[in-house]
C-alpha cells in the first residue's frame, strides 16, 4: 500500500503538541492556480491599493517604521525587487518571487513592505468566490510562510474564507 493511502496517522513526537483538527485543503491533487480576477473601472488600481496598505501600516505603527529604509530597486516589476536586493528571510526566494509575479498579474498584487522576515502585499483585485479563495489559500501554503504552514492562526478552511475580498496579505518566516 502506498504511504499516501495508509490511513494510519504518522506518529507525533512527544515534544510536539498536536494542533486542533484541521481538515486541510479540499483537494486530492494539485488543482492549479486561482483564476485571474478581472480588472474593473470601479476597483482600485494596483498603485492605489499599495498606497492604501502603506498608509494603513504607517497609521497603525505596526512595525518599526522608524527602523525602515526606503529602497529604490531598478526592477521592471515590483515582484522582482526581492530577488534583486537578495532579500533573505528563510523563504524560498525564487519560488516566492514566482508566486508574487503571478499574483501581480492575476490579482494586481504589489509588494509594499519587506521588514526583517515580514512581507506585506497589497491586492487590488482579490478573489471573492469560494473555489478561488481555496485555490489561493493553497498558493499561500506554497509560500512556506511560517504564519501559514508552521504556526497557522486558523484551520485551512477558515484561512481560505478569510481571504475573500481581502486587500492585503501578510507573510512572515522565522
N, C-alpha and C. Protein backbone atom coordinates (compact mmCIF):
# COMPACT_ATOMS: atom_id res chain seq x y z
N UNK A 1 0.85 -1.17 0.00
CA UNK A 1 0.00 0.00 0.00
C UNK A 1 0.90 1.25 0.00
N UNK A 2 0.67 2.19 -0.90
CA UNK A 2 1.47 3.43 -0.91
C UNK A 2 1.27 4.21 0.38
N UNK A 3 2.33 4.88 0.84
CA UNK A 3 2.27 5.59 2.12
C UNK A 3 1.18 6.65 2.14
N UNK A 4 0.85 7.24 1.00
CA UNK A 4 -0.14 8.32 0.99
C UNK A 4 -1.58 7.80 1.11
N UNK A 5 -1.78 6.50 0.95
CA UNK A 5 -3.13 5.95 1.12
C UNK A 5 -3.29 5.21 2.45
N UNK A 6 -2.23 5.10 3.21
CA UNK A 6 -2.27 4.43 4.51
C UNK A 6 -3.06 5.28 5.50
N UNK A 7 -4.17 4.77 6.06
CA UNK A 7 -4.98 5.57 6.97
C UNK A 7 -4.37 5.73 8.36
N UNK A 8 -3.28 5.01 8.64
CA UNK A 8 -2.64 5.11 9.94
C UNK A 8 -1.96 6.46 10.07
N UNK A 9 -2.32 7.26 11.09
CA UNK A 9 -1.68 8.56 11.24
C UNK A 9 -0.20 8.40 11.57
N UNK A 10 0.58 9.33 11.08
CA UNK A 10 2.01 9.32 11.37
C UNK A 10 2.21 9.60 12.86
N UNK A 11 3.18 8.93 13.49
CA UNK A 11 3.39 9.19 14.92
C UNK A 11 3.87 10.62 15.15
N UNK A 12 3.38 11.22 16.21
CA UNK A 12 3.75 12.58 16.55
C UNK A 12 4.78 12.52 17.68
N UNK A 13 5.95 13.16 17.50
CA UNK A 13 6.94 13.14 18.58
C UNK A 13 6.36 13.72 19.86
N UNK A 14 6.86 13.22 21.01
CA UNK A 14 6.32 13.64 22.31
C UNK A 14 6.42 15.14 22.55
N UNK A 15 7.48 15.77 22.05
CA UNK A 15 7.68 17.21 22.30
C UNK A 15 6.80 18.10 21.42
N UNK A 16 6.09 17.51 20.48
CA UNK A 16 5.21 18.27 19.58
C UNK A 16 3.78 18.20 20.11
N UNK A 17 3.20 19.36 20.30
CA UNK A 17 1.81 19.42 20.74
C UNK A 17 0.91 19.38 19.50
N UNK A 18 -0.08 18.50 19.46
CA UNK A 18 -0.94 18.46 18.27
C UNK A 18 -1.80 19.72 18.15
N UNK A 19 -2.06 20.11 16.90
CA UNK A 19 -2.91 21.26 16.64
C UNK A 19 -4.36 20.84 16.67
N UNK A 20 -5.25 21.80 16.82
CA UNK A 20 -6.67 21.45 16.70
C UNK A 20 -6.92 20.86 15.32
N UNK A 21 -7.97 20.12 15.20
CA UNK A 21 -8.29 19.46 13.93
C UNK A 21 -8.31 20.46 12.77
N UNK A 22 -7.57 20.14 11.74
CA UNK A 22 -7.56 20.94 10.52
C UNK A 22 -7.72 19.98 9.35
N UNK A 23 -8.83 20.03 8.65
CA UNK A 23 -9.02 19.10 7.54
C UNK A 23 -8.09 19.36 6.36
N UNK A 24 -7.41 20.49 6.35
CA UNK A 24 -6.51 20.81 5.26
C UNK A 24 -7.25 21.23 4.00
N UNK A 25 -6.51 21.38 2.89
CA UNK A 25 -7.13 21.80 1.63
C UNK A 25 -8.11 20.74 1.11
N UNK A 26 -9.15 21.18 0.44
CA UNK A 26 -10.16 20.25 -0.05
C UNK A 26 -9.83 19.66 -1.42
N UNK A 27 -8.56 19.31 -1.63
CA UNK A 27 -8.14 18.81 -2.93
C UNK A 27 -7.42 17.47 -2.78
N UNK A 28 -7.67 16.56 -3.69
CA UNK A 28 -6.99 15.27 -3.72
C UNK A 28 -5.63 15.39 -4.43
N UNK A 29 -5.53 16.32 -5.38
CA UNK A 29 -4.30 16.53 -6.15
C UNK A 29 -4.20 18.01 -6.47
N UNK A 30 -3.06 18.42 -7.03
CA UNK A 30 -2.84 19.83 -7.34
C UNK A 30 -3.93 20.30 -8.29
N UNK A 31 -4.73 21.31 -7.86
CA UNK A 31 -5.86 21.75 -8.68
C UNK A 31 -5.53 22.86 -9.67
N UNK A 32 -4.34 23.41 -9.60
CA UNK A 32 -3.99 24.54 -10.45
C UNK A 32 -4.10 25.84 -9.69
N UNK A 33 -3.83 26.93 -10.38
CA UNK A 33 -3.82 28.25 -9.76
C UNK A 33 -5.21 28.86 -9.69
N UNK A 34 -5.38 29.76 -8.76
CA UNK A 34 -6.62 30.53 -8.67
C UNK A 34 -6.77 31.37 -9.94
N UNK A 35 -7.98 31.51 -10.44
CA UNK A 35 -8.16 32.27 -11.68
C UNK A 35 -7.92 33.77 -11.48
N UNK A 36 -7.52 34.40 -12.55
CA UNK A 36 -7.30 35.85 -12.55
C UNK A 36 -8.60 36.57 -12.25
N UNK A 37 -8.51 37.60 -11.46
CA UNK A 37 -9.69 38.43 -11.19
C UNK A 37 -9.72 39.54 -12.24
N UNK A 38 -10.88 39.78 -12.82
CA UNK A 38 -10.97 40.78 -13.90
C UNK A 38 -10.73 42.20 -13.39
N UNK A 39 -10.15 43.00 -14.28
CA UNK A 39 -9.97 44.42 -13.98
C UNK A 39 -11.31 45.12 -14.17
N UNK A 40 -11.63 46.02 -13.26
CA UNK A 40 -12.87 46.78 -13.38
C UNK A 40 -12.56 48.26 -13.26
N UNK A 41 -13.41 49.08 -13.81
CA UNK A 41 -13.17 50.53 -13.76
C UNK A 41 -13.48 51.10 -12.37
N UNK A 42 -14.29 50.41 -11.57
CA UNK A 42 -14.64 50.95 -10.27
C UNK A 42 -13.73 50.46 -9.14
N UNK A 43 -12.85 49.49 -9.40
CA UNK A 43 -11.94 48.99 -8.37
C UNK A 43 -10.66 49.82 -8.32
N UNK A 44 -9.89 49.67 -7.23
CA UNK A 44 -8.64 50.42 -7.15
C UNK A 44 -7.60 49.88 -8.13
N UNK A 45 -6.70 50.73 -8.54
CA UNK A 45 -5.56 50.28 -9.35
C UNK A 45 -4.58 49.61 -8.39
N UNK A 46 -3.64 48.84 -8.90
CA UNK A 46 -2.62 48.27 -8.02
C UNK A 46 -1.86 49.35 -7.23
N UNK A 47 -1.61 50.48 -7.86
CA UNK A 47 -0.90 51.56 -7.17
C UNK A 47 -1.75 52.15 -6.04
N UNK A 48 -3.05 52.30 -6.27
CA UNK A 48 -3.94 52.81 -5.22
C UNK A 48 -4.05 51.83 -4.06
N UNK A 49 -4.13 50.53 -4.36
CA UNK A 49 -4.19 49.52 -3.31
C UNK A 49 -2.90 49.51 -2.49
N UNK A 50 -1.76 49.65 -3.17
CA UNK A 50 -0.47 49.68 -2.46
C UNK A 50 -0.38 50.91 -1.57
N UNK A 51 -0.80 52.05 -2.08
CA UNK A 51 -0.77 53.28 -1.31
C UNK A 51 -1.66 53.17 -0.07
N UNK A 52 -2.82 52.55 -0.22
CA UNK A 52 -3.74 52.37 0.90
C UNK A 52 -3.13 51.47 1.97
N UNK A 53 -2.51 50.37 1.56
CA UNK A 53 -1.89 49.47 2.53
C UNK A 53 -0.74 50.16 3.25
N UNK A 54 0.08 50.88 2.51
CA UNK A 54 1.20 51.58 3.13
C UNK A 54 0.70 52.61 4.14
N UNK A 55 -0.33 53.35 3.77
CA UNK A 55 -0.91 54.33 4.71
C UNK A 55 -1.41 53.63 5.97
N UNK A 56 -2.03 52.48 5.80
CA UNK A 56 -2.52 51.72 6.95
C UNK A 56 -1.39 51.22 7.84
N UNK A 57 -0.31 50.76 7.23
CA UNK A 57 0.85 50.31 8.01
C UNK A 57 1.46 51.47 8.78
N UNK A 58 1.53 52.63 8.15
CA UNK A 58 2.09 53.81 8.82
C UNK A 58 1.17 54.24 9.96
N UNK A 59 -0.13 54.27 9.69
CA UNK A 59 -1.10 54.73 10.68
C UNK A 59 -1.12 53.85 11.93
N UNK A 60 -1.06 52.54 11.74
CA UNK A 60 -1.11 51.64 12.89
C UNK A 60 0.23 51.57 13.60
N UNK A 61 1.32 51.94 12.92
CA UNK A 61 2.64 51.84 13.53
C UNK A 61 2.99 50.41 13.88
N UNK A 62 2.37 49.47 13.16
CA UNK A 62 2.50 48.05 13.48
C UNK A 62 3.93 47.56 13.47
N UNK A 63 4.69 47.92 12.49
CA UNK A 63 6.09 47.53 12.56
C UNK A 63 6.95 48.77 12.62
N UNK A 64 8.19 48.60 13.06
CA UNK A 64 9.08 49.72 13.34
C UNK A 64 9.45 50.54 12.13
N UNK A 65 8.55 51.43 11.71
CA UNK A 65 8.85 52.26 10.54
C UNK A 65 10.04 53.17 10.78
N UNK A 66 10.31 53.49 12.04
CA UNK A 66 11.48 54.32 12.32
C UNK A 66 12.78 53.58 11.99
N UNK A 67 12.70 52.25 11.90
CA UNK A 67 13.86 51.45 11.54
C UNK A 67 13.88 51.07 10.06
N UNK A 68 12.83 51.41 9.33
CA UNK A 68 12.73 51.05 7.91
C UNK A 68 13.49 52.06 7.06
N UNK A 69 13.89 51.60 5.90
CA UNK A 69 14.56 52.44 4.93
C UNK A 69 13.85 52.29 3.59
N UNK A 70 13.70 53.39 2.90
CA UNK A 70 13.12 53.37 1.57
C UNK A 70 14.19 52.87 0.61
N UNK A 71 13.83 51.91 -0.21
CA UNK A 71 14.78 51.34 -1.15
C UNK A 71 14.18 51.45 -2.55
N UNK A 72 14.91 52.05 -3.45
CA UNK A 72 14.51 52.09 -4.86
C UNK A 72 15.28 51.00 -5.58
N UNK A 73 14.55 50.12 -6.22
CA UNK A 73 15.16 48.96 -6.87
C UNK A 73 14.91 49.07 -8.37
N UNK A 74 15.95 48.95 -9.18
CA UNK A 74 15.77 49.04 -10.64
C UNK A 74 15.15 47.77 -11.22
N UNK A 75 13.89 47.54 -10.89
CA UNK A 75 13.19 46.35 -11.35
C UNK A 75 12.09 46.76 -12.32
N UNK A 76 11.87 45.93 -13.31
CA UNK A 76 10.78 46.19 -14.25
C UNK A 76 9.43 45.93 -13.60
N UNK A 77 9.43 45.03 -12.62
CA UNK A 77 8.21 44.69 -11.89
C UNK A 77 8.53 44.63 -10.41
N UNK A 78 7.57 45.05 -9.59
CA UNK A 78 7.76 45.03 -8.15
C UNK A 78 8.02 43.63 -7.61
N UNK A 79 7.44 42.63 -8.28
CA UNK A 79 7.62 41.25 -7.83
C UNK A 79 9.06 40.78 -7.97
N UNK A 80 9.85 41.47 -8.76
CA UNK A 80 11.26 41.10 -8.94
C UNK A 80 12.18 41.76 -7.93
N UNK A 81 11.67 42.74 -7.18
CA UNK A 81 12.52 43.54 -6.29
C UNK A 81 13.21 42.71 -5.21
N UNK A 82 12.48 41.77 -4.61
CA UNK A 82 13.08 40.98 -3.54
C UNK A 82 14.28 40.18 -4.02
N UNK A 83 14.19 39.62 -5.21
CA UNK A 83 15.32 38.87 -5.77
C UNK A 83 16.49 39.79 -6.07
N UNK A 84 16.19 40.97 -6.61
CA UNK A 84 17.27 41.90 -6.97
C UNK A 84 18.04 42.43 -5.76
N UNK A 85 17.34 42.57 -4.62
CA UNK A 85 18.06 43.05 -3.43
C UNK A 85 18.61 41.89 -2.60
N UNK A 86 18.31 40.65 -3.00
CA UNK A 86 18.80 39.50 -2.27
C UNK A 86 18.14 39.34 -0.91
N UNK A 87 16.88 39.72 -0.82
CA UNK A 87 16.15 39.62 0.46
C UNK A 87 16.20 38.19 0.97
N UNK A 88 16.42 38.04 2.24
CA UNK A 88 16.53 36.72 2.82
C UNK A 88 15.74 36.66 4.11
N UNK A 89 14.82 35.73 4.18
CA UNK A 89 14.02 35.57 5.40
C UNK A 89 13.60 34.12 5.57
N UNK A 90 14.48 33.20 5.22
CA UNK A 90 14.14 31.77 5.29
C UNK A 90 13.05 31.39 4.29
N UNK A 91 12.75 32.28 3.38
CA UNK A 91 11.76 31.99 2.34
C UNK A 91 12.49 31.47 1.11
N UNK A 92 11.87 30.55 0.38
CA UNK A 92 12.47 30.11 -0.89
C UNK A 92 12.32 31.24 -1.91
N UNK A 93 13.34 32.08 -2.03
CA UNK A 93 13.23 33.34 -2.76
C UNK A 93 12.75 33.18 -4.20
N UNK A 94 13.29 32.23 -4.94
CA UNK A 94 12.86 32.10 -6.35
C UNK A 94 11.39 31.68 -6.44
N UNK A 95 10.95 30.77 -5.57
CA UNK A 95 9.55 30.36 -5.56
C UNK A 95 8.67 31.53 -5.15
N UNK A 96 9.07 32.24 -4.12
CA UNK A 96 8.28 33.38 -3.64
C UNK A 96 8.16 34.45 -4.73
N UNK A 97 9.24 34.75 -5.40
CA UNK A 97 9.19 35.76 -6.48
C UNK A 97 8.30 35.30 -7.62
N UNK A 98 8.32 34.01 -7.93
CA UNK A 98 7.42 33.48 -8.97
C UNK A 98 5.96 33.63 -8.54
N UNK A 99 5.67 33.31 -7.27
CA UNK A 99 4.30 33.49 -6.77
C UNK A 99 3.90 34.96 -6.84
N UNK A 100 4.78 35.84 -6.38
CA UNK A 100 4.48 37.27 -6.39
C UNK A 100 4.22 37.78 -7.80
N UNK A 101 5.02 37.33 -8.76
CA UNK A 101 4.84 37.74 -10.16
C UNK A 101 3.48 37.27 -10.68
N UNK A 102 3.13 36.04 -10.34
CA UNK A 102 1.84 35.51 -10.77
C UNK A 102 0.69 36.27 -10.11
N UNK A 103 0.81 36.57 -8.81
CA UNK A 103 -0.23 37.32 -8.11
C UNK A 103 -0.32 38.75 -8.64
N UNK A 104 0.81 39.30 -9.05
CA UNK A 104 0.82 40.64 -9.64
C UNK A 104 -0.04 40.65 -10.90
N UNK A 105 0.13 39.63 -11.72
CA UNK A 105 -0.64 39.53 -12.96
C UNK A 105 -2.12 39.23 -12.71
N UNK A 106 -2.40 38.29 -11.83
CA UNK A 106 -3.78 37.82 -11.66
C UNK A 106 -4.62 38.66 -10.70
N UNK A 107 -3.98 39.30 -9.70
CA UNK A 107 -4.75 40.00 -8.67
C UNK A 107 -4.34 41.45 -8.46
N UNK A 108 -3.41 41.96 -9.27
CA UNK A 108 -2.94 43.33 -9.07
C UNK A 108 -2.19 43.47 -7.75
N UNK A 109 -1.50 42.41 -7.33
CA UNK A 109 -0.75 42.41 -6.07
C UNK A 109 0.54 43.20 -6.23
N UNK A 110 0.94 43.89 -5.16
CA UNK A 110 2.18 44.66 -5.16
C UNK A 110 2.88 44.45 -3.83
N UNK A 111 4.19 44.23 -3.88
CA UNK A 111 4.98 44.18 -2.65
C UNK A 111 5.03 45.60 -2.12
N UNK A 112 4.60 45.78 -0.88
CA UNK A 112 4.56 47.11 -0.27
C UNK A 112 5.68 47.28 0.75
N UNK A 113 5.93 46.24 1.53
CA UNK A 113 6.96 46.34 2.57
C UNK A 113 7.57 44.98 2.84
N UNK A 114 8.87 44.99 3.01
CA UNK A 114 9.61 43.82 3.48
C UNK A 114 10.45 44.33 4.64
N UNK A 115 10.16 43.82 5.81
CA UNK A 115 10.83 44.30 7.01
C UNK A 115 11.26 43.09 7.82
N UNK A 116 12.55 42.90 7.98
CA UNK A 116 13.03 41.71 8.66
C UNK A 116 12.58 40.49 7.90
N UNK A 117 11.78 39.66 8.54
CA UNK A 117 11.27 38.46 7.88
C UNK A 117 9.79 38.58 7.54
N UNK A 118 9.27 39.81 7.54
CA UNK A 118 7.86 40.05 7.20
C UNK A 118 7.75 40.59 5.78
N UNK A 119 6.67 40.20 5.13
CA UNK A 119 6.37 40.69 3.79
C UNK A 119 4.91 41.10 3.76
N UNK A 120 4.65 42.32 3.27
CA UNK A 120 3.28 42.83 3.18
C UNK A 120 2.99 43.12 1.71
N UNK A 121 1.86 42.59 1.25
CA UNK A 121 1.48 42.66 -0.15
C UNK A 121 0.08 43.26 -0.25
N UNK A 122 -0.08 44.27 -1.11
CA UNK A 122 -1.41 44.83 -1.37
C UNK A 122 -2.05 44.06 -2.51
N UNK A 123 -3.38 44.05 -2.53
CA UNK A 123 -4.12 43.29 -3.53
C UNK A 123 -5.24 44.16 -4.08
N UNK A 124 -5.15 44.51 -5.36
CA UNK A 124 -6.16 45.37 -5.98
C UNK A 124 -7.42 44.61 -6.37
N UNK A 125 -7.26 43.34 -6.78
CA UNK A 125 -8.40 42.55 -7.25
C UNK A 125 -8.44 41.19 -6.52
N UNK A 126 -8.82 41.20 -5.25
CA UNK A 126 -8.80 39.93 -4.50
C UNK A 126 -9.89 38.98 -4.97
N UNK A 127 -9.63 37.68 -4.84
CA UNK A 127 -10.67 36.70 -5.19
C UNK A 127 -11.86 36.81 -4.24
N UNK A 128 -13.02 36.46 -4.75
CA UNK A 128 -14.23 36.53 -3.93
C UNK A 128 -14.99 35.21 -3.87
N UNK A 129 -14.82 34.34 -4.82
CA UNK A 129 -15.56 33.07 -4.84
C UNK A 129 -14.89 32.01 -3.98
N UNK A 130 -15.69 31.10 -3.44
CA UNK A 130 -15.18 30.06 -2.55
C UNK A 130 -14.10 29.21 -3.21
N UNK A 131 -14.33 28.78 -4.44
CA UNK A 131 -13.34 27.95 -5.12
C UNK A 131 -12.04 28.72 -5.35
N UNK A 132 -12.16 29.98 -5.75
CA UNK A 132 -10.98 30.80 -6.00
C UNK A 132 -10.15 31.01 -4.73
N UNK A 133 -10.82 31.28 -3.60
CA UNK A 133 -10.06 31.51 -2.37
C UNK A 133 -9.44 30.22 -1.85
N UNK A 134 -10.08 29.07 -2.09
CA UNK A 134 -9.45 27.80 -1.72
C UNK A 134 -8.17 27.59 -2.51
N UNK A 135 -8.23 27.88 -3.80
CA UNK A 135 -7.03 27.74 -4.64
C UNK A 135 -5.95 28.73 -4.20
N UNK A 136 -6.35 29.96 -3.91
CA UNK A 136 -5.39 30.97 -3.46
C UNK A 136 -4.78 30.58 -2.12
N UNK A 137 -5.58 30.08 -1.20
CA UNK A 137 -5.05 29.66 0.10
C UNK A 137 -4.00 28.57 -0.08
N UNK A 138 -4.22 27.68 -1.03
CA UNK A 138 -3.22 26.65 -1.32
C UNK A 138 -1.95 27.28 -1.88
N UNK A 139 -2.08 28.31 -2.70
CA UNK A 139 -0.90 29.03 -3.19
C UNK A 139 -0.16 29.70 -2.02
N UNK A 140 -0.90 30.23 -1.05
CA UNK A 140 -0.26 30.82 0.12
C UNK A 140 0.54 29.76 0.88
N UNK A 141 0.03 28.53 0.94
CA UNK A 141 0.77 27.44 1.57
C UNK A 141 2.10 27.23 0.83
N UNK A 142 2.08 27.36 -0.49
CA UNK A 142 3.32 27.20 -1.28
C UNK A 142 4.40 28.22 -0.92
N UNK A 143 3.98 29.36 -0.36
CA UNK A 143 4.96 30.38 0.02
C UNK A 143 5.85 29.91 1.16
N UNK A 144 5.47 28.85 1.84
CA UNK A 144 6.14 28.28 3.01
C UNK A 144 6.22 29.26 4.18
N UNK A 145 5.43 30.32 4.16
CA UNK A 145 5.46 31.30 5.26
C UNK A 145 5.08 30.61 6.57
N UNK A 146 5.82 30.91 7.61
CA UNK A 146 5.58 30.28 8.91
C UNK A 146 4.20 30.61 9.46
N UNK A 147 3.70 31.82 9.18
CA UNK A 147 2.37 32.15 9.70
C UNK A 147 1.27 31.35 9.02
N UNK A 148 1.61 30.60 7.98
CA UNK A 148 0.61 29.79 7.28
C UNK A 148 0.87 28.30 7.46
N UNK A 149 2.12 27.85 7.35
CA UNK A 149 2.37 26.41 7.38
C UNK A 149 2.88 25.88 8.72
N UNK A 150 3.61 26.67 9.49
CA UNK A 150 4.17 26.16 10.74
C UNK A 150 3.39 26.61 11.97
N UNK A 151 2.75 27.72 11.89
CA UNK A 151 2.01 28.24 13.03
C UNK A 151 0.70 28.82 12.54
N UNK A 152 -0.14 27.98 11.94
CA UNK A 152 -1.36 28.54 11.34
C UNK A 152 -2.26 29.17 12.39
N UNK A 153 -2.73 30.38 12.10
CA UNK A 153 -3.63 31.03 13.03
C UNK A 153 -5.02 30.41 13.03
N UNK A 154 -5.31 29.63 12.00
CA UNK A 154 -6.64 29.00 11.89
C UNK A 154 -6.56 27.84 10.92
N UNK A 155 -7.50 26.90 11.01
CA UNK A 155 -7.53 25.79 10.05
C UNK A 155 -7.69 26.29 8.61
N UNK A 156 -7.25 25.46 7.67
CA UNK A 156 -7.25 25.83 6.26
C UNK A 156 -8.58 26.39 5.77
N UNK A 157 -9.73 25.74 6.04
CA UNK A 157 -11.00 26.29 5.51
C UNK A 157 -11.28 27.70 6.02
N UNK A 158 -10.96 27.95 7.28
CA UNK A 158 -11.18 29.29 7.83
C UNK A 158 -10.21 30.29 7.22
N UNK A 159 -8.94 29.87 7.03
CA UNK A 159 -7.96 30.75 6.40
C UNK A 159 -8.43 31.14 5.00
N UNK A 160 -8.90 30.15 4.25
CA UNK A 160 -9.38 30.42 2.89
C UNK A 160 -10.56 31.39 2.91
N UNK A 161 -11.52 31.16 3.80
CA UNK A 161 -12.69 32.06 3.87
C UNK A 161 -12.27 33.48 4.23
N UNK A 162 -11.23 33.60 5.04
CA UNK A 162 -10.74 34.92 5.46
C UNK A 162 -10.10 35.69 4.29
N UNK A 163 -9.73 35.00 3.23
CA UNK A 163 -9.13 35.66 2.06
C UNK A 163 -10.16 36.32 1.14
N UNK A 164 -11.43 36.02 1.32
CA UNK A 164 -12.47 36.57 0.44
C UNK A 164 -12.43 38.10 0.51
N UNK A 165 -12.12 38.72 -0.63
CA UNK A 165 -12.12 40.18 -0.72
C UNK A 165 -11.02 40.88 0.05
N UNK A 166 -10.08 40.15 0.64
CA UNK A 166 -9.03 40.78 1.45
C UNK A 166 -8.03 41.50 0.56
N UNK A 167 -7.78 42.76 0.86
CA UNK A 167 -6.93 43.61 0.01
C UNK A 167 -5.48 43.70 0.47
N UNK A 168 -5.11 42.89 1.47
CA UNK A 168 -3.70 42.81 1.85
C UNK A 168 -3.41 41.41 2.36
N UNK A 169 -2.23 40.95 2.05
CA UNK A 169 -1.76 39.65 2.52
C UNK A 169 -0.44 39.88 3.23
N UNK A 170 -0.26 39.24 4.37
CA UNK A 170 0.99 39.35 5.11
C UNK A 170 1.58 37.97 5.33
N UNK A 171 2.88 37.89 5.24
CA UNK A 171 3.60 36.64 5.41
C UNK A 171 4.79 36.89 6.32
N UNK A 172 5.19 35.91 7.11
CA UNK A 172 6.44 36.03 7.86
C UNK A 172 7.10 34.65 7.95
N UNK A 173 8.40 34.69 8.04
CA UNK A 173 9.22 33.50 8.18
C UNK A 173 10.12 33.68 9.40
N UNK A 174 10.40 32.58 10.10
CA UNK A 174 11.32 32.66 11.24
C UNK A 174 12.75 32.68 10.76
